[in-house]
Amino acid sequence: MGQGEKRNRHINWKIVITPTALKMIKGISDARIRGKIAEVIDWLAEDPDKQGKPLVAELSGFRSIRAAGQRYRIIYKIVRKQVVVVIVAVGIRKEGHKKDIYQLAKKLLKLKLVE
């Protein structure tokens, strides 16, 4: 590991929440769940690429991390050049359902509401 890599470990990443993701978070009525989501988002400021999992196919380049138990997911993108973590979507994992967070994220990408 080079000198620069050692320093990178201690850098706090800036968190940017897109207006769409913010709207999704505000739409969650349970304050406890919103609080847990906020905690996980805060954790992403440290080593975001060591947390969550890389997504594939249409969502390649994005990562997903669980929040508030098994149901909620935070979808984010790491912008290394700017040392920024961009939160693009937050919601419930409902496999096979049109409101599944991954389906919603794909729609956002198609509509070019996220990059």
C-alpha atoms as a PDB file:
ATOM      1  CA  MET A   1       0.000   0.000   0.000  1.00  0.00           C
ATOM      2  CA  GLY A   2       1.439   3.358  -1.039  1.00  0.00           C
ATOM      3  CA  GLN A   3       1.564   6.504   1.063  1.00  0.00           C
ATOM      4  CA  GLY A   4      -1.429   8.047  -0.755  1.00  0.00           C
ATOM      5  CA  GLU A   5      -3.570   4.980  -0.106  1.00  0.00           C
ATOM      6  CA  LYS A   6      -2.883   5.168   3.619  1.00  0.00           C
ATOM      7  CA  ARG A   7      -4.009   8.785   3.699  1.00  0.00           C
ATOM      8  CA  ASN A   8      -7.190   8.056   1.723  1.00  0.00           C
ATOM      9  CA  ARG A   9      -8.396   5.766   4.466  1.00  0.00           C
ATOM     10  CA  HIS A  10      -8.835   8.676   6.855  1.00  0.00           C
ATOM     11  CA  ILE A  11     -10.573  11.001   4.435  1.00  0.00           C
ATOM     12  CA  ASN A  12     -14.193  11.658   5.205  1.00  0.00           C
ATOM     13  CA  TRP A  13     -16.251  11.544   2.050  1.00  0.00           C
ATOM     14  CA  LYS A  14     -18.762  14.291   1.406  1.00  0.00           C
ATOM     15  CA  ILE A  15     -22.349  13.028   1.278  1.00  0.00           C
ATOM     16  CA  VAL A  16     -24.693  14.473  -1.337  1.00  0.00           C
ATOM     17  CA  ILE A  17     -28.356  13.461  -1.303  1.00  0.00           C
ATOM     18  CA  THR A  18     -30.202  14.020  -4.569  1.00  0.00           C
ATOM     19  CA  PRO A  19     -33.561  15.845  -4.363  1.00  0.00           C
ATOM     20  CA  THR A  20     -35.287  12.618  -5.445  1.00  0.00           C
ATOM     21  CA  ALA A  21     -33.635  10.581  -2.663  1.00  0.00           C
ATOM     22  CA  LEU A  22     -34.457  13.314  -0.137  1.00  0.00           C
ATOM     23  CA  LYS A  23     -38.100  13.180  -1.209  1.00  0.00           C
ATOM     24  CA  MET A  24     -38.054   9.380  -0.803  1.00  0.00           C
ATOM     25  CA  ILE A  25     -36.641   9.712   2.727  1.00  0.00           C
ATOM     26  CA  LYS A  26     -39.176  12.390   3.707  1.00  0.00           C
ATOM     27  CA  GLY A  27     -41.925  10.100   2.400  1.00  0.00           C
ATOM     28  CA  ILE A  28     -41.130   7.507   5.087  1.00  0.00           C
ATOM     29  CA  SER A  29     -43.623   8.172   7.862  1.00  0.00           C
ATOM     30  CA  ASP A  30     -41.793   6.258  10.627  1.00  0.00           C
ATOM     31  CA  ALA A  31     -39.288   8.625  12.292  1.00  0.00           C
ATOM     32  CA  ARG A  32     -37.325   5.670  13.725  1.00  0.00           C
ATOM     33  CA  ILE A  33     -36.716   4.268  10.245  1.00  0.00           C
ATOM     34  CA  ARG A  34     -35.738   7.713   8.921  1.00  0.00           C
ATOM     35  CA  GLY A  35     -33.265   7.969  11.819  1.00  0.00           C
ATOM     36  CA  LYS A  36     -31.712   4.587  11.026  1.00  0.00           C
ATOM     37  CA  ILE A  37     -31.421   5.527   7.353  1.00  0.00           C
ATOM     38  CA  ALA A  38     -29.701   8.793   8.349  1.00  0.00           C
ATOM     39  CA  GLU A  39     -27.230   6.810  10.501  1.00  0.00           C
ATOM     40  CA  VAL A  40     -26.310   4.508   7.629  1.00  0.00           C
ATOM     41  CA  ILE A  41     -25.914   7.480   5.269  1.00  0.00           C
ATOM     42  CA  ASP A  42     -23.567   9.073   7.829  1.00  0.00           C
ATOM     43  CA  TRP A  43     -21.507   5.839   7.974  1.00  0.00           C
ATOM     44  CA  LEU A  44     -20.974   6.066   4.213  1.00  0.00           C
ATOM     45  CA  ALA A  45     -18.717   9.083   4.810  1.00  0.00           C
ATOM     46  CA  GLU A  46     -16.028   6.566   5.826  1.00  0.00           C
ATOM     47  CA  ASP A  47     -14.855   3.926   3.352  1.00  0.00           C
ATOM     48  CA  PRO A  48     -18.019   3.885   1.210  1.00  0.00           C
ATOM     49  CA  ASP A  49     -16.572   1.272  -1.141  1.00  0.00           C
ATOM     50  CA  LYS A  50     -16.083  -1.162   1.734  1.00  0.00           C
ATOM     51  CA  GLN A  51     -19.771  -0.941   2.619  1.00  0.00           C
ATOM     52  CA  GLY A  52     -22.779  -2.174   0.724  1.00  0.00           C
ATOM     53  CA  LYS A  53     -22.491  -4.189  -2.449  1.00  0.00           C
ATOM     54  CA  PRO A  54     -21.841  -3.270  -6.059  1.00  0.00           C
ATOM     55  CA  LEU A  55     -24.900  -3.469  -8.272  1.00  0.00           C
ATOM     56  CA  VAL A  56     -24.917  -5.025 -11.741  1.00  0.00           C
ATOM     57  CA  ALA A  57     -26.625  -4.746 -15.128  1.00  0.00           C
ATOM     58  CA  GLU A  58     -28.580  -1.496 -15.544  1.00  0.00           C
ATOM     59  CA  LEU A  59     -27.437  -0.291 -12.103  1.00  0.00           C
ATOM     60  CA  SER A  60     -23.765  -1.023 -12.697  1.00  0.00           C
ATOM     61  CA  GLY A  61     -21.614   1.717 -11.145  1.00  0.00           C
ATOM     62  CA  PHE A  62     -23.965   2.052  -8.172  1.00  0.00           C
ATOM     63  CA  ARG A  63     -23.847   0.358  -4.782  1.00  0.00           C
ATOM     64  CA  SER A  64     -26.555  -0.683  -2.346  1.00  0.00           C
ATOM     65  CA  ILE A  65     -26.497  -0.903   1.429  1.00  0.00           C
ATOM     66  CA  ARG A  66     -29.149  -2.186   3.817  1.00  0.00           C
ATOM     67  CA  ALA A  67     -30.716   0.202   6.291  1.00  0.00           C
ATOM     68  CA  ALA A  68     -33.376  -0.195   8.984  1.00  0.00           C
ATOM     69  CA  GLY A  69     -33.285  -3.996   9.012  1.00  0.00           C
ATOM     70  CA  GLN A  70     -33.593  -6.085   5.886  1.00  0.00           C
ATOM     71  CA  ARG A  71     -36.295  -4.078   4.113  1.00  0.00           C
ATOM     72  CA  TYR A  72     -34.810  -0.678   3.269  1.00  0.00           C
ATOM     73  CA  ARG A  73     -31.983  -0.058   0.825  1.00  0.00           C
ATOM     74  CA  ILE A  74     -29.899   3.014   0.082  1.00  0.00           C
ATOM     75  CA  ILE A  75     -28.584   3.183  -3.469  1.00  0.00           C
ATOM     76  CA  TYR A  76     -25.509   5.334  -3.891  1.00  0.00           C
ATOM     77  CA  LYS A  77     -22.698   6.166  -6.263  1.00  0.00           C
ATOM     78  CA  ILE A  78     -19.090   6.934  -5.374  1.00  0.00           C
ATOM     79  CA  VAL A  79     -17.487   9.847  -7.251  1.00  0.00           C
ATOM     80  CA  ARG A  80     -13.809   9.303  -6.455  1.00  0.00           C
ATOM     81  CA  LYS A  81     -12.412  12.401  -8.181  1.00  0.00           C
ATOM     82  CA  GLN A  82     -14.571  14.628  -5.977  1.00  0.00           C
ATOM     83  CA  VAL A  83     -14.442  12.403  -2.843  1.00  0.00           C
ATOM     84  CA  VAL A  84     -18.248  12.397  -2.845  1.00  0.00           C
ATOM     85  CA  VAL A  85     -20.879   9.764  -2.115  1.00  0.00           C
ATOM     86  CA  VAL A  86     -24.125  10.537  -3.966  1.00  0.00           C
ATOM     87  CA  ILE A  87     -27.286   9.052  -2.454  1.00  0.00           C
ATOM     88  CA  VAL A  88     -29.610   8.503  -5.421  1.00  0.00           C
ATOM     89  CA  ALA A  89     -32.512   6.458  -4.015  1.00  0.00           C
ATOM     90  CA  VAL A  90     -33.858   5.132  -0.724  1.00  0.00           C
ATOM     91  CA  GLY A  91     -36.720   2.691  -0.314  1.00  0.00           C
ATOM     92  CA  ILE A  92     -38.058  -0.766   0.412  1.00  0.00           C
ATOM     93  CA  ARG A  93     -36.825  -3.906  -1.288  1.00  0.00           C
ATOM     94  CA  LYS A  94     -39.964  -5.630  -2.663  1.00  0.00           C
ATOM     95  CA  GLU A  95     -38.703  -8.186  -5.133  1.00  0.00           C
ATOM     96  CA  GLY A  96     -40.985  -8.489  -8.154  1.00  0.00           C
ATOM     97  CA  HIS A  97     -43.044  -5.426  -7.161  1.00  0.00           C
ATOM     98  CA  LYS A  98     -43.187  -2.275  -9.298  1.00  0.00           C
ATOM     99  CA  LYS A  99     -42.347  -0.179  -6.218  1.00  0.00           C
ATOM    100  CA  ASP A 100     -39.212  -2.206  -5.476  1.00  0.00           C
ATOM    101  CA  ILE A 101     -36.345   0.238  -4.823  1.00  0.00           C
ATOM    102  CA  TYR A 102     -34.195  -1.318  -7.549  1.00  0.00           C
ATOM    103  CA  GLN A 103     -37.014  -0.977 -10.099  1.00  0.00           C
ATOM    104  CA  LEU A 104     -37.489   2.648  -9.058  1.00  0.00           C
ATOM    105  CA  ALA A 105     -33.747   3.315  -9.394  1.00  0.00           C
ATOM    106  CA  LYS A 106     -33.754   1.842 -12.920  1.00  0.00           C
ATOM    107  CA  LYS A 107     -36.660   4.142 -13.842  1.00  0.00           C
ATOM    108  CA  LEU A 108     -34.776   7.150 -12.436  1.00  0.00           C
ATOM    109  CA  LEU A 109     -31.789   6.235 -14.604  1.00  0.00           C
ATOM    110  CA  LYS A 110     -33.929   5.824 -17.734  1.00  0.00           C
ATOM    111  CA  LEU A 111     -35.568   9.199 -17.083  1.00  0.00           C
ATOM    112  CA  LYS A 112     -32.070  10.650 -16.562  1.00  0.00           C
ATOM    113  CA  LEU A 113     -33.037  11.860 -13.076  1.00  0.00           C
ATOM    114  CA  VAL A 114     -29.758  10.390 -11.797  1.00  0.00           C
ATOM    115  CA  GLU A 115     -26.408  10.025 -13.531  1.00  0.00           C
END
